[in-house]
N, C-alpha and C. Protein backbone atom coordinates (compact mmCIF):
# COMPACT_ATOMS: atom_id res chain seq x y z
N MET A 1 -2.30 4.30 8.09
CA MET A 1 -1.48 3.36 8.80
C MET A 1 -0.19 4.05 9.27
N LYS A 2 0.38 4.86 8.37
CA LYS A 2 1.62 5.55 8.72
C LYS A 2 1.40 6.52 9.90
N GLU A 3 0.23 7.15 9.94
CA GLU A 3 -0.06 8.08 11.04
C GLU A 3 -0.09 7.35 12.37
N LEU A 4 -0.67 6.15 12.40
CA LEU A 4 -0.72 5.38 13.64
C LEU A 4 0.69 4.97 14.06
N VAL A 5 1.50 4.55 13.10
CA VAL A 5 2.88 4.18 13.42
C VAL A 5 3.63 5.39 13.97
N ASP A 6 3.43 6.56 13.34
CA ASP A 6 4.09 7.78 13.83
C ASP A 6 3.64 8.12 15.26
N LEU A 7 2.35 7.96 15.53
CA LEU A 7 1.82 8.24 16.86
C LEU A 7 2.42 7.28 17.88
N LEU A 8 2.47 5.99 17.54
CA LEU A 8 3.02 5.01 18.47
C LEU A 8 4.52 5.21 18.69
N ASN A 9 5.21 5.73 17.69
CA ASN A 9 6.64 6.02 17.86
C ASN A 9 6.88 7.20 18.80
N GLN A 10 5.87 8.05 18.98
CA GLN A 10 5.98 9.19 19.89
C GLN A 10 5.57 8.83 21.32
N ASP A 11 5.16 7.59 21.52
CA ASP A 11 4.73 7.13 22.85
C ASP A 11 5.90 7.22 23.83
N ARG A 12 5.67 7.86 24.96
CA ARG A 12 6.70 7.99 26.00
C ARG A 12 6.21 7.36 27.30
N SER A 13 5.70 6.14 27.17
CA SER A 13 5.24 5.42 28.36
C SER A 13 6.43 4.99 29.19
N PRO A 14 6.27 5.01 30.51
CA PRO A 14 7.39 4.58 31.36
C PRO A 14 7.66 3.08 31.18
N LEU A 15 8.94 2.74 31.05
CA LEU A 15 9.36 1.35 30.95
C LEU A 15 10.42 1.10 32.01
N GLY A 16 10.16 0.14 32.89
CA GLY A 16 11.12 -0.14 33.96
C GLY A 16 11.28 1.08 34.86
N ASN A 17 12.52 1.53 35.04
CA ASN A 17 12.80 2.70 35.88
C ASN A 17 12.86 3.99 35.08
N THR A 18 12.65 3.94 33.78
CA THR A 18 12.74 5.15 32.96
C THR A 18 11.40 5.88 32.95
N ARG A 19 11.48 7.19 32.98
CA ARG A 19 10.29 8.05 32.91
C ARG A 19 10.56 9.13 31.87
N PRO A 20 10.42 8.80 30.55
CA PRO A 20 10.69 9.81 29.52
C PRO A 20 9.69 10.97 29.59
N THR A 21 10.13 12.11 29.13
CA THR A 21 9.28 13.29 29.10
C THR A 21 8.22 13.12 28.02
N PRO A 22 6.92 13.21 28.40
CA PRO A 22 5.85 13.04 27.40
C PRO A 22 5.87 14.17 26.36
N ILE A 23 5.60 13.81 25.12
CA ILE A 23 5.52 14.82 24.06
C ILE A 23 4.13 14.86 23.43
N LEU A 24 3.30 13.89 23.77
CA LEU A 24 1.93 13.87 23.24
C LEU A 24 0.97 14.55 24.20
N ASP A 25 -0.24 14.80 23.72
CA ASP A 25 -1.31 15.34 24.55
C ASP A 25 -1.50 14.40 25.75
N PRO A 26 -1.68 14.94 26.96
CA PRO A 26 -1.79 14.09 28.15
C PRO A 26 -2.88 13.01 28.07
N SER A 27 -4.02 13.32 27.45
CA SER A 27 -5.08 12.30 27.36
C SER A 27 -4.67 11.16 26.44
N VAL A 28 -3.96 11.46 25.35
CA VAL A 28 -3.48 10.43 24.45
C VAL A 28 -2.38 9.63 25.13
N GLN A 29 -1.46 10.31 25.80
CA GLN A 29 -0.35 9.63 26.47
C GLN A 29 -0.87 8.72 27.59
N ARG A 30 -1.89 9.17 28.31
CA ARG A 30 -2.46 8.35 29.38
C ARG A 30 -3.01 7.04 28.82
N THR A 31 -3.70 7.11 27.69
CA THR A 31 -4.25 5.91 27.05
C THR A 31 -3.13 4.99 26.59
N LEU A 32 -2.08 5.57 25.98
CA LEU A 32 -0.96 4.75 25.53
C LEU A 32 -0.19 4.15 26.71
N THR A 33 -0.11 4.88 27.82
CA THR A 33 0.55 4.35 29.01
C THR A 33 -0.24 3.17 29.57
N ASN A 34 -1.57 3.29 29.62
CA ASN A 34 -2.40 2.17 30.08
C ASN A 34 -2.20 0.95 29.18
N PHE A 35 -2.17 1.15 27.87
CA PHE A 35 -1.95 0.06 26.92
C PHE A 35 -0.57 -0.57 27.16
N SER A 36 0.42 0.27 27.40
CA SER A 36 1.77 -0.23 27.64
C SER A 36 1.83 -1.05 28.93
N LEU A 37 1.14 -0.59 29.96
CA LEU A 37 1.13 -1.32 31.23
C LEU A 37 0.42 -2.67 31.09
N ILE A 38 -0.68 -2.68 30.37
CA ILE A 38 -1.43 -3.93 30.16
C ILE A 38 -0.61 -4.94 29.38
N THR A 39 0.17 -4.48 28.40
CA THR A 39 0.94 -5.38 27.53
C THR A 39 2.38 -5.54 28.01
N HIS A 40 2.67 -5.08 29.22
CA HIS A 40 4.01 -5.20 29.81
C HIS A 40 5.08 -4.51 28.97
N GLY A 41 4.69 -3.45 28.27
CA GLY A 41 5.65 -2.67 27.48
C GLY A 41 5.88 -3.19 26.08
N PHE A 42 5.26 -4.31 25.71
CA PHE A 42 5.48 -4.89 24.39
C PHE A 42 4.43 -4.48 23.37
N GLY A 43 3.33 -3.87 23.79
CA GLY A 43 2.21 -3.59 22.89
C GLY A 43 2.54 -2.66 21.75
N SER A 44 2.98 -1.45 22.05
CA SER A 44 3.28 -0.46 21.01
C SER A 44 4.40 -0.91 20.08
N PRO A 45 5.54 -1.41 20.60
CA PRO A 45 6.58 -1.88 19.68
C PRO A 45 6.12 -3.04 18.80
N ALA A 46 5.27 -3.92 19.33
CA ALA A 46 4.77 -5.04 18.53
C ALA A 46 3.87 -4.55 17.41
N ILE A 47 3.00 -3.60 17.70
CA ILE A 47 2.10 -3.06 16.67
C ILE A 47 2.91 -2.31 15.62
N VAL A 48 3.90 -1.53 16.04
CA VAL A 48 4.74 -0.80 15.09
C VAL A 48 5.48 -1.78 14.18
N ALA A 49 6.02 -2.86 14.75
CA ALA A 49 6.74 -3.85 13.95
C ALA A 49 5.80 -4.53 12.94
N ALA A 50 4.61 -4.89 13.39
CA ALA A 50 3.64 -5.55 12.50
C ALA A 50 3.20 -4.62 11.38
N MET A 51 2.91 -3.38 11.71
CA MET A 51 2.45 -2.44 10.68
C MET A 51 3.57 -2.10 9.71
N THR A 52 4.79 -2.01 10.19
CA THR A 52 5.92 -1.77 9.30
C THR A 52 6.09 -2.94 8.33
N ALA A 53 5.94 -4.17 8.85
CA ALA A 53 6.03 -5.34 7.99
C ALA A 53 4.93 -5.34 6.93
N ILE A 54 3.71 -5.00 7.32
CA ILE A 54 2.59 -4.94 6.37
C ILE A 54 2.85 -3.87 5.33
N GLN A 55 3.34 -2.72 5.76
CA GLN A 55 3.65 -1.63 4.83
C GLN A 55 4.72 -2.04 3.83
N ASN A 56 5.76 -2.72 4.30
CA ASN A 56 6.82 -3.19 3.41
C ASN A 56 6.29 -4.23 2.43
N TYR A 57 5.42 -5.12 2.91
CA TYR A 57 4.81 -6.14 2.05
C TYR A 57 3.98 -5.48 0.94
N LEU A 58 3.15 -4.53 1.31
CA LEU A 58 2.32 -3.85 0.31
C LEU A 58 3.16 -3.08 -0.70
N THR A 59 4.24 -2.46 -0.23
CA THR A 59 5.13 -1.74 -1.14
C THR A 59 5.76 -2.68 -2.15
N GLU A 60 6.23 -3.84 -1.68
CA GLU A 60 6.85 -4.81 -2.58
C GLU A 60 5.83 -5.40 -3.54
N MET A 61 4.62 -5.68 -3.07
CA MET A 61 3.58 -6.22 -3.96
C MET A 61 3.19 -5.20 -5.02
N LEU A 62 3.15 -3.93 -4.66
CA LEU A 62 2.84 -2.89 -5.63
C LEU A 62 3.91 -2.83 -6.71
N LYS A 63 5.18 -3.00 -6.31
CA LYS A 63 6.26 -3.03 -7.30
C LYS A 63 6.09 -4.21 -8.25
N VAL A 64 5.71 -5.37 -7.72
CA VAL A 64 5.51 -6.56 -8.56
C VAL A 64 4.35 -6.33 -9.53
N VAL A 65 3.26 -5.77 -9.04
CA VAL A 65 2.10 -5.51 -9.90
C VAL A 65 2.46 -4.51 -10.99
N GLU A 66 3.16 -3.44 -10.63
CA GLU A 66 3.56 -2.45 -11.64
C GLU A 66 4.47 -3.08 -12.68
N LYS A 67 5.40 -3.91 -12.23
CA LYS A 67 6.33 -4.57 -13.14
C LYS A 67 5.58 -5.52 -14.07
N THR A 68 4.62 -6.27 -13.52
CA THR A 68 3.83 -7.22 -14.32
C THR A 68 3.01 -6.49 -15.37
N TYR A 69 2.30 -5.44 -14.98
CA TYR A 69 1.48 -4.71 -15.93
C TYR A 69 2.33 -4.00 -16.97
N ALA A 70 3.50 -3.53 -16.57
CA ALA A 70 4.38 -2.86 -17.53
C ALA A 70 4.88 -3.85 -18.57
N SER A 71 5.20 -5.09 -18.15
CA SER A 71 5.70 -6.08 -19.11
C SER A 71 4.57 -6.62 -19.97
N VAL A 72 3.35 -6.72 -19.44
CA VAL A 72 2.20 -7.19 -20.22
C VAL A 72 1.83 -6.15 -21.26
N GLY A 73 1.90 -4.86 -20.89
CA GLY A 73 1.56 -3.77 -21.82
C GLY A 73 2.50 -3.74 -23.00
N GLY A 74 3.77 -3.96 -22.78
CA GLY A 74 4.78 -4.09 -23.81
C GLY A 74 4.73 -3.09 -24.94
N GLY A 75 4.32 -1.87 -24.68
CA GLY A 75 4.36 -0.85 -25.72
C GLY A 75 3.17 -0.89 -26.67
N SER A 76 2.12 -1.63 -26.36
CA SER A 76 0.97 -1.71 -27.26
C SER A 76 0.06 -0.50 -27.13
N GLY A 77 0.42 0.40 -26.23
CA GLY A 77 -0.40 1.61 -26.06
C GLY A 77 -1.48 1.41 -25.03
N GLY A 78 -1.82 0.17 -24.70
CA GLY A 78 -2.88 -0.09 -23.75
C GLY A 78 -2.38 -0.49 -22.39
N GLY A 79 -1.09 -0.75 -22.27
CA GLY A 79 -0.54 -1.22 -21.00
C GLY A 79 -0.18 -0.08 -20.09
N VAL A 80 0.18 -0.42 -18.90
CA VAL A 80 0.61 0.55 -17.91
C VAL A 80 2.12 0.71 -18.04
N THR A 81 2.58 1.92 -18.08
CA THR A 81 4.01 2.17 -18.16
C THR A 81 4.45 2.88 -16.89
N SER A 82 5.74 3.10 -16.76
CA SER A 82 6.24 3.76 -15.56
C SER A 82 5.73 5.20 -15.48
N ALA A 83 5.33 5.77 -16.60
CA ALA A 83 4.79 7.13 -16.59
C ALA A 83 3.35 7.13 -16.09
N GLN A 84 2.73 5.94 -16.01
CA GLN A 84 1.36 5.82 -15.54
C GLN A 84 1.31 4.83 -14.38
N PRO A 85 1.71 5.25 -13.16
CA PRO A 85 1.75 4.32 -12.04
C PRO A 85 0.35 3.90 -11.60
N LEU A 86 0.25 2.72 -11.02
CA LEU A 86 -1.01 2.24 -10.48
C LEU A 86 -1.24 2.90 -9.13
N GLN A 87 -2.50 3.12 -8.79
CA GLN A 87 -2.86 3.72 -7.51
C GLN A 87 -3.46 2.63 -6.63
N LEU A 88 -2.91 2.41 -5.43
CA LEU A 88 -3.43 1.43 -4.49
C LEU A 88 -4.30 2.16 -3.49
N HIS A 89 -5.56 1.71 -3.39
CA HIS A 89 -6.50 2.34 -2.46
C HIS A 89 -6.57 1.54 -1.17
N ALA A 90 -7.17 2.14 -0.16
CA ALA A 90 -7.25 1.51 1.16
C ALA A 90 -7.95 0.15 1.11
N GLY A 91 -8.91 -0.01 0.22
CA GLY A 91 -9.64 -1.27 0.11
C GLY A 91 -8.86 -2.34 -0.61
N GLY A 92 -7.64 -2.02 -1.06
CA GLY A 92 -6.81 -3.00 -1.74
C GLY A 92 -7.05 -3.05 -3.23
N THR A 93 -7.85 -2.11 -3.77
CA THR A 93 -8.11 -2.12 -5.20
C THR A 93 -7.09 -1.26 -5.92
N LEU A 94 -6.85 -1.59 -7.15
CA LEU A 94 -5.89 -0.84 -7.96
C LEU A 94 -6.63 -0.06 -9.03
N ASP A 95 -6.26 1.19 -9.20
CA ASP A 95 -6.77 2.00 -10.30
C ASP A 95 -5.77 1.93 -11.43
N GLN A 96 -6.23 1.61 -12.61
CA GLN A 96 -5.37 1.64 -13.77
C GLN A 96 -5.69 2.90 -14.56
N PRO A 97 -4.70 3.51 -15.18
CA PRO A 97 -4.98 4.67 -16.00
C PRO A 97 -5.94 4.31 -17.12
N GLN A 98 -6.79 5.25 -17.46
CA GLN A 98 -7.76 5.00 -18.52
C GLN A 98 -7.07 4.89 -19.87
N GLN A 99 -7.52 3.94 -20.65
CA GLN A 99 -6.95 3.72 -21.96
C GLN A 99 -7.63 4.67 -22.94
N SER A 100 -6.86 5.23 -23.84
CA SER A 100 -7.42 6.14 -24.81
C SER A 100 -8.26 5.38 -25.84
N SER A 101 -9.08 6.10 -26.58
CA SER A 101 -9.90 5.49 -27.63
C SER A 101 -9.02 4.83 -28.68
N ALA A 102 -7.90 5.49 -28.99
CA ALA A 102 -6.99 4.92 -29.99
C ALA A 102 -6.39 3.62 -29.48
N GLY A 103 -6.08 3.55 -28.20
CA GLY A 103 -5.53 2.34 -27.61
C GLY A 103 -6.54 1.21 -27.61
N LYS A 104 -7.83 1.52 -27.33
CA LYS A 104 -8.88 0.51 -27.35
C LYS A 104 -9.06 -0.03 -28.77
N LEU A 105 -9.06 0.87 -29.75
CA LEU A 105 -9.21 0.46 -31.14
C LEU A 105 -8.05 -0.42 -31.55
N LYS A 106 -6.85 -0.05 -31.16
CA LYS A 106 -5.67 -0.83 -31.50
C LYS A 106 -5.75 -2.22 -30.89
N ASP A 107 -6.25 -2.32 -29.64
CA ASP A 107 -6.41 -3.63 -29.01
C ASP A 107 -7.43 -4.48 -29.75
N ARG A 108 -8.53 -3.88 -30.20
CA ARG A 108 -9.54 -4.63 -30.96
C ARG A 108 -8.97 -5.16 -32.26
N VAL A 109 -8.18 -4.31 -32.94
CA VAL A 109 -7.56 -4.73 -34.19
C VAL A 109 -6.60 -5.88 -33.93
N MET A 110 -5.82 -5.77 -32.84
CA MET A 110 -4.87 -6.83 -32.49
C MET A 110 -5.61 -8.13 -32.19
N MET A 111 -6.76 -8.04 -31.50
CA MET A 111 -7.54 -9.23 -31.18
C MET A 111 -8.09 -9.87 -32.44
N SER A 112 -8.55 -9.07 -33.39
CA SER A 112 -9.11 -9.64 -34.62
C SER A 112 -8.03 -10.29 -35.47
N GLN A 113 -6.80 -9.79 -35.38
CA GLN A 113 -5.69 -10.42 -36.11
C GLN A 113 -5.31 -11.74 -35.47
N ASP A 114 -5.44 -11.83 -34.12
CA ASP A 114 -5.11 -13.07 -33.43
C ASP A 114 -6.16 -14.14 -33.68
N ASP A 115 -7.39 -13.75 -33.95
CA ASP A 115 -8.51 -14.68 -34.11
C ASP A 115 -9.12 -14.46 -35.50
N PRO A 116 -8.51 -15.00 -36.57
CA PRO A 116 -8.99 -14.73 -37.93
C PRO A 116 -10.38 -15.29 -38.19
N ALA A 117 -10.82 -16.30 -37.45
CA ALA A 117 -12.14 -16.86 -37.70
C ALA A 117 -13.23 -15.95 -37.17
N GLY A 118 -12.83 -15.03 -36.29
CA GLY A 118 -13.80 -14.06 -35.77
C GLY A 118 -14.75 -14.65 -34.74
N SER A 119 -14.37 -15.74 -34.11
CA SER A 119 -15.27 -16.36 -33.10
C SER A 119 -15.21 -15.54 -31.83
N ARG A 120 -16.32 -14.94 -31.50
CA ARG A 120 -16.45 -14.15 -30.28
C ARG A 120 -17.63 -14.66 -29.50
N LYS A 121 -17.53 -14.49 -28.19
CA LYS A 121 -18.64 -14.93 -27.32
C LYS A 121 -19.60 -13.82 -27.09
């Protein structure tokens, strides 16, 4: 997404009476100029604004998710800490760091203490 925003920011399509010096490959610039003419000059700036907003939204949501997982983990050894950041993939999925065997065992012990009757499904 960032690459597309960077490419659109390099667009030197003519607007009004201005004719900026092109810096992109002529075939790419020709396509962007056609897009600019079709959208009356609003196409590239609108896409850049929308993608920037989406990028900012995803960044803020990632901060919320990291903060939530860090507070849920609370030092039990199984949670995500700031030393183990979550990875956001293009499909919108999050990778959590793998929990160690000791952490899994500790979680099982904690669960059995919370449920003394031992009722499991």
